[in-house]
Amino acid sequence: MTLLFNIDFIRSLNLFLILCFFILSCNTKSDDTSSTAASLLARESGADGCTVAGISNQLKAGYTNVSTTSQVVNTRLVGDTYYAIVQVKGAQIATNIVFNQVLSPNVYLSSSCPLNLDSDTRAITGTEYNLTVVGSTTTISFLKSGSYLLYLYSKSNYQTDGLTVIATGTALQSVSDSTLTDLLNGTSSTSTFKFACDNSSSTGICQNYYGLFSDCLSGGTKQTSKCTETNVVGSCKLTTSSVGTIVSVYTSPIIANTSAAQALCTSGTYQSGTTVQTP
């Protein structure tokens, strides 16, 4: 009697364990399928919202392409939560995105929808952007050029509360994202460049200026074109808090070699060679 009971108990236990394993396997497969499906999604225009995929779910969020005109942020209700995507395409150094409410959006590096939470890179506070809240206004200031997706979700409807967004500061760029990856090298790479100081033909040094500058900070002659890339021996990148980035380009024969160029880079990051650093 006892033996039969033990056998039945062991069979029941085995059946239970097999059932648990099957359920877990199904869940894992579902997660993998969700991630795979997300990676295969076609790029979206935003006309019908923006797909948010990954982390075991897939939903459609409201979509807003930010511009210099104030816009109401579009939302999409899924279950009991409102979701919104704000696209910032062609942001430059010192481009600001201003919301009229206190928010903490998740910022991702992405040129267009869909947003894949499993794989898309999160932008880093202090490196790619800064977020500040003053009163009831939230401002995101970009420190690196690129395109971003801002992901918001809330139990309350942003549209009911009157959430708006507008771009200020350095103008958004209307070129393709491919040119955002190379800001100095190449004939079409003046993406976030504002102006240059000094003339490399006379001093061997030309400084490309980015950000909130209005004049040369260290004197010199203000140039209308970017620094020349002829005979470059090295470059020095200096980022100044709340101001922007200066990239100094050192050229020969006036600056004889990389050692002489590095000696001039008393602050910032020095890089030898003909490939100029980008902000």
Protein backbone atom coordinates (compact mmCIF):
# COMPACT_ATOMS: atom_id res chain seq x y z
CA MET A 1 0.00 0.00 0.00
CA THR A 2 2.75 2.39 1.00
CA LEU A 3 4.79 1.42 -2.05
CA LEU A 4 1.89 2.14 -4.41
CA PHE A 5 1.34 5.50 -2.75
CA ASN A 6 5.01 6.42 -3.25
CA ILE A 7 4.92 5.41 -6.91
CA ASP A 8 1.78 7.49 -7.54
CA PHE A 9 3.34 10.43 -5.71
CA ILE A 10 6.55 10.23 -7.76
CA ARG A 11 4.54 10.03 -11.00
CA SER A 12 2.50 13.08 -10.00
CA LEU A 13 5.66 14.98 -9.08
CA ASN A 14 7.31 14.15 -12.40
CA LEU A 15 4.20 15.24 -14.29
CA PHE A 16 4.19 18.52 -12.36
CA LEU A 17 7.86 19.18 -13.12
CA ILE A 18 7.38 18.40 -16.81
CA LEU A 19 4.41 20.79 -16.92
CA CYS A 20 6.47 23.56 -15.27
CA PHE A 21 9.32 23.03 -17.73
CA PHE A 22 6.90 23.20 -20.67
CA ILE A 23 5.39 26.48 -19.44
CA LEU A 24 8.82 28.05 -18.91
CA SER A 25 9.97 26.91 -22.34
CA CYS A 26 6.91 28.47 -23.95
CA ASN A 27 7.52 31.77 -22.18
CA THR A 28 11.15 31.85 -23.23
CA LYS A 29 10.22 31.10 -26.80
CA SER A 30 7.62 33.87 -26.72
CA ASP A 31 10.23 36.36 -25.47
CA ASP A 32 12.67 35.32 -28.20
CA THR A 33 9.94 35.60 -30.81
CA SER A 34 9.03 39.09 -29.55
CA SER A 35 12.64 40.22 -29.79
CA THR A 36 13.11 38.68 -33.24
CA ALA A 37 9.88 40.21 -34.53
CA ALA A 38 10.97 43.61 -33.22
CA SER A 39 14.28 43.44 -35.09
CA LEU A 40 12.46 42.69 -38.35
CA LEU A 41 9.95 45.52 -38.11
CA ALA A 42 9.99 47.93 -41.04
CA ARG A 43 10.83 51.56 -40.47
CA GLU A 44 7.71 53.59 -39.77
CA SER A 45 6.69 57.08 -40.79
CA GLY A 46 4.89 57.75 -37.52
CA ALA A 47 1.63 58.46 -39.32
CA ASP A 48 -0.02 55.58 -37.47
CA GLY A 49 2.00 55.82 -34.29
CA CYS A 50 5.29 54.14 -33.43
CA THR A 51 5.77 50.48 -32.57
CA VAL A 52 7.45 49.82 -29.21
CA ALA A 53 8.73 46.26 -29.10
CA GLY A 54 10.76 44.09 -26.77
CA ILE A 55 10.75 43.03 -23.12
CA SER A 56 7.97 40.53 -23.85
CA ASN A 57 5.53 43.02 -25.30
CA GLN A 58 4.72 44.92 -28.45
CA LEU A 59 2.46 47.96 -28.57
CA LYS A 60 1.71 51.04 -30.60
CA ALA A 61 2.58 54.40 -29.05
CA GLY A 62 1.52 57.86 -30.14
CA TYR A 63 4.13 59.62 -32.28
CA THR A 64 5.29 63.24 -32.41
CA ASN A 65 8.08 64.55 -34.66
CA VAL A 66 9.45 67.56 -32.81
CA SER A 67 10.03 70.87 -34.61
CA THR A 68 10.41 74.58 -33.84
CA THR A 69 6.62 74.85 -33.72
CA SER A 70 4.97 73.94 -30.43
CA GLN A 71 3.06 70.67 -30.74
CA VAL A 72 0.75 68.61 -28.57
CA VAL A 73 2.38 65.26 -27.76
CA ASN A 74 0.36 62.41 -29.30
CA THR A 75 -0.43 59.39 -27.13
CA ARG A 76 -1.85 55.91 -27.56
CA LEU A 77 -3.83 54.08 -24.87
CA VAL A 78 -2.82 50.45 -24.32
CA GLY A 79 -4.61 48.80 -21.42
CA ASP A 80 -4.64 51.44 -18.68
CA THR A 81 -1.41 53.19 -19.77
CA TYR A 82 -0.79 56.01 -22.25
CA TYR A 83 2.36 55.70 -24.37
CA ALA A 84 4.11 58.39 -26.42
CA ILE A 85 7.17 58.62 -28.65
CA VAL A 86 8.80 61.98 -29.43
CA GLN A 87 11.20 61.87 -32.38
CA VAL A 88 14.14 64.30 -32.35
CA LYS A 89 15.71 63.90 -35.78
CA GLY A 90 18.97 65.69 -36.55
CA ALA A 91 19.67 67.08 -33.08
CA GLN A 92 22.85 69.09 -32.82
CA ILE A 93 25.04 70.15 -29.93
CA ALA A 94 22.99 72.62 -27.84
CA THR A 95 19.68 71.67 -29.46
CA ASN A 96 17.06 71.85 -26.69
CA ILE A 97 13.76 69.99 -26.46
CA VAL A 98 11.35 71.72 -24.09
CA PHE A 99 8.25 70.14 -22.51
CA ASN A 100 5.69 72.18 -20.57
CA GLN A 101 5.41 69.55 -17.82
CA VAL A 102 7.76 67.83 -15.41
CA LEU A 103 8.83 64.59 -17.11
CA SER A 104 11.53 61.91 -17.01
CA PRO A 105 11.47 60.40 -20.51
CA ASN A 106 13.67 57.48 -21.50
CA VAL A 107 16.02 58.66 -24.25
CA TYR A 108 17.23 56.28 -26.96
CA LEU A 109 19.61 56.71 -29.90
CA SER A 110 17.45 56.00 -32.94
CA SER A 111 16.84 57.69 -36.28
CA SER A 112 13.26 56.45 -36.75
CA CYS A 113 10.58 54.13 -35.41
CA PRO A 114 10.19 51.38 -34.36
CA LEU A 115 11.74 51.51 -30.89
CA ASN A 116 13.19 48.16 -29.83
CA LEU A 117 13.62 48.09 -26.06
CA ASP A 118 15.62 44.86 -26.28
CA SER A 119 18.38 46.28 -28.46
CA ASP A 120 18.23 50.06 -28.96
CA THR A 121 20.95 51.96 -27.13
CA ARG A 122 19.98 54.20 -24.23
CA ALA A 123 21.42 57.70 -24.43
CA ILE A 124 23.62 58.53 -21.44
CA THR A 125 22.88 61.51 -19.20
CA GLY A 126 25.87 63.82 -19.07
CA THR A 127 27.37 62.33 -22.22
CA GLU A 128 24.67 62.54 -24.90
CA TYR A 129 22.20 64.82 -23.14
CA ASN A 130 21.36 66.72 -19.96
CA LEU A 131 17.90 67.00 -18.40
CA THR A 132 16.88 69.97 -16.28
CA VAL A 133 13.57 70.87 -14.63
CA VAL A 134 12.72 74.49 -13.86
CA GLY A 135 9.28 75.03 -12.38
CA SER A 136 6.88 73.06 -14.58
CA THR A 137 9.22 72.95 -17.59
CA THR A 138 11.48 70.05 -18.57
CA THR A 139 14.39 70.76 -20.93
CA ILE A 140 16.57 68.15 -22.63
CA SER A 141 19.81 69.65 -23.97
CA PHE A 142 21.77 67.48 -26.38
CA LEU A 143 25.54 67.21 -26.00
CA LYS A 144 26.10 65.06 -29.09
CA SER A 145 24.61 65.35 -32.54
CA GLY A 146 22.36 62.54 -33.69
CA SER A 147 18.77 61.38 -33.79
CA TYR A 148 16.87 60.34 -30.69
CA LEU A 149 13.57 58.75 -29.63
CA LEU A 150 12.07 59.93 -26.35
CA TYR A 151 9.83 57.27 -24.78
CA LEU A 152 7.12 58.30 -22.31
CA TYR A 153 4.35 56.40 -20.55
CA SER A 154 1.87 57.31 -17.85
CA LYS A 155 -1.44 56.28 -16.33
CA SER A 156 -2.79 59.76 -17.12
CA ASN A 157 -3.30 61.08 -20.63
CA TYR A 158 -0.61 63.58 -21.61
CA GLN A 159 -2.95 65.12 -24.17
CA THR A 160 -5.66 65.73 -21.55
CA ASP A 161 -3.10 67.46 -19.37
CA GLY A 162 -1.96 69.58 -22.31
CA LEU A 163 1.58 68.30 -22.79
CA THR A 164 3.43 70.19 -25.54
CA VAL A 165 6.96 69.99 -26.95
CA ILE A 166 9.13 72.40 -28.95
CA ALA A 167 12.72 72.53 -30.21
CA THR A 168 14.87 75.54 -29.31
CA GLY A 169 18.56 76.44 -29.29
CA THR A 170 20.77 75.12 -32.10
CA ALA A 171 18.57 74.31 -35.07
CA LEU A 172 17.66 70.74 -35.93
CA GLN A 173 19.52 69.41 -38.92
CA SER A 174 17.56 68.48 -42.02
CA VAL A 175 20.14 66.12 -43.52
CA SER A 176 20.36 62.35 -43.42
CA ASP A 177 21.74 60.61 -40.36
CA SER A 178 24.75 59.32 -42.28
CA THR A 179 26.38 62.76 -42.23
CA LEU A 180 25.93 63.04 -38.46
CA THR A 181 28.62 60.42 -37.91
CA ASP A 182 31.40 62.49 -39.48
CA LEU A 183 31.37 66.16 -38.52
CA LEU A 184 34.81 67.32 -39.61
CA ASN A 185 36.20 64.99 -42.24
CA GLY A 186 34.81 65.21 -45.75
CA THR A 187 33.41 68.04 -47.87
CA SER A 188 29.80 67.70 -46.60
CA SER A 189 30.60 67.30 -42.92
CA THR A 190 29.68 70.70 -41.47
CA SER A 191 26.74 69.24 -39.57
CA THR A 192 26.98 70.92 -36.17
CA PHE A 193 29.84 73.27 -36.96
CA LYS A 194 29.15 76.95 -36.14
CA PHE A 195 32.38 78.71 -37.09
CA ALA A 196 36.18 78.53 -36.77
CA CYS A 197 38.78 80.76 -35.17
CA ASP A 198 42.26 81.61 -36.50
CA ASN A 199 43.70 80.59 -39.81
CA SER A 200 45.70 77.38 -39.95
CA SER A 201 47.82 78.72 -42.81
CA SER A 202 49.34 81.38 -40.56
CA THR A 203 49.36 79.74 -37.11
CA GLY A 204 49.08 76.04 -37.81
CA ILE A 205 46.04 75.99 -35.51
CA CYS A 206 42.37 76.24 -36.39
CA GLN A 207 39.60 75.78 -33.84
CA ASN A 208 36.20 74.47 -34.89
CA TYR A 209 33.51 75.73 -32.53
CA TYR A 210 30.30 73.91 -31.55
CA GLY A 211 27.52 74.81 -29.14
CA LEU A 212 26.50 78.14 -27.60
CA PHE A 213 29.40 80.29 -28.79
CA SER A 214 28.94 83.68 -30.40
CA ASP A 215 32.60 84.64 -30.82
CA CYS A 216 36.13 83.24 -30.51
CA LEU A 217 36.82 82.55 -26.84
CA SER A 218 40.61 82.85 -27.06
CA GLY A 219 40.92 85.65 -29.59
CA GLY A 220 41.94 85.15 -33.17
CA THR A 221 40.14 85.75 -36.42
CA LYS A 222 36.66 84.36 -36.84
CA GLN A 223 36.35 82.17 -39.95
CA THR A 224 33.24 81.42 -41.98
CA SER A 225 34.34 77.94 -43.05
CA LYS A 226 35.43 74.89 -41.08
CA CYS A 227 39.07 74.05 -40.33
CA THR A 228 41.19 72.75 -43.17
CA GLU A 229 42.18 69.10 -43.13
CA THR A 230 45.35 69.56 -45.16
CA ASN A 231 48.55 68.27 -43.50
CA VAL A 232 46.83 67.52 -40.16
CA VAL A 233 49.21 66.18 -37.50
CA GLY A 234 46.75 65.98 -34.61
CA SER A 235 43.66 67.40 -32.92
CA CYS A 236 42.57 68.43 -29.43
CA LYS A 237 38.98 68.19 -28.17
CA LEU A 238 37.84 70.30 -25.24
CA THR A 239 34.28 70.23 -23.89
CA THR A 240 33.29 73.13 -21.66
CA SER A 241 30.30 72.69 -19.37
CA SER A 242 27.24 74.75 -20.40
CA VAL A 243 29.17 76.17 -23.37
CA GLY A 244 29.96 73.47 -25.91
CA THR A 245 32.91 71.79 -27.62
CA ILE A 246 36.05 73.15 -29.29
CA VAL A 247 38.06 70.95 -31.63
CA SER A 248 41.53 72.37 -32.36
CA VAL A 249 43.16 71.13 -35.56
CA TYR A 250 46.98 71.28 -35.77
CA THR A 251 48.61 71.34 -39.21
CA SER A 252 52.16 71.13 -40.56
CA PRO A 253 54.62 72.47 -41.54
CA ILE A 254 54.10 75.29 -39.02
CA ILE A 255 53.49 72.74 -36.25
CA ALA A 256 56.29 70.33 -37.04
CA ASN A 257 55.14 67.03 -35.54
CA THR A 258 52.72 65.24 -33.21
CA SER A 259 54.85 66.01 -30.15
CA ALA A 260 54.64 69.73 -30.83
CA ALA A 261 50.89 69.44 -31.40
CA GLN A 262 50.34 67.47 -28.21
CA ALA A 263 52.28 70.10 -26.23
CA LEU A 264 49.74 72.69 -27.40
CA CYS A 265 46.82 70.57 -26.11
CA THR A 266 47.21 71.66 -22.47
CA SER A 267 43.62 70.65 -21.67
CA GLY A 268 41.15 68.38 -23.38
CA THR A 269 41.82 65.14 -25.22
CA TYR A 270 44.64 64.90 -27.73
CA GLN A 271 44.64 62.58 -30.74
CA SER A 272 47.53 62.30 -33.16
CA GLY A 273 47.09 61.54 -36.83
CA THR A 274 45.11 62.88 -39.75
CA THR A 275 41.68 61.74 -38.52
CA VAL A 276 40.20 64.75 -36.72
CA GLN A 277 38.18 64.13 -33.56
CA THR A 278 34.45 64.83 -33.60
CA PRO A 279 32.50 66.44 -30.75
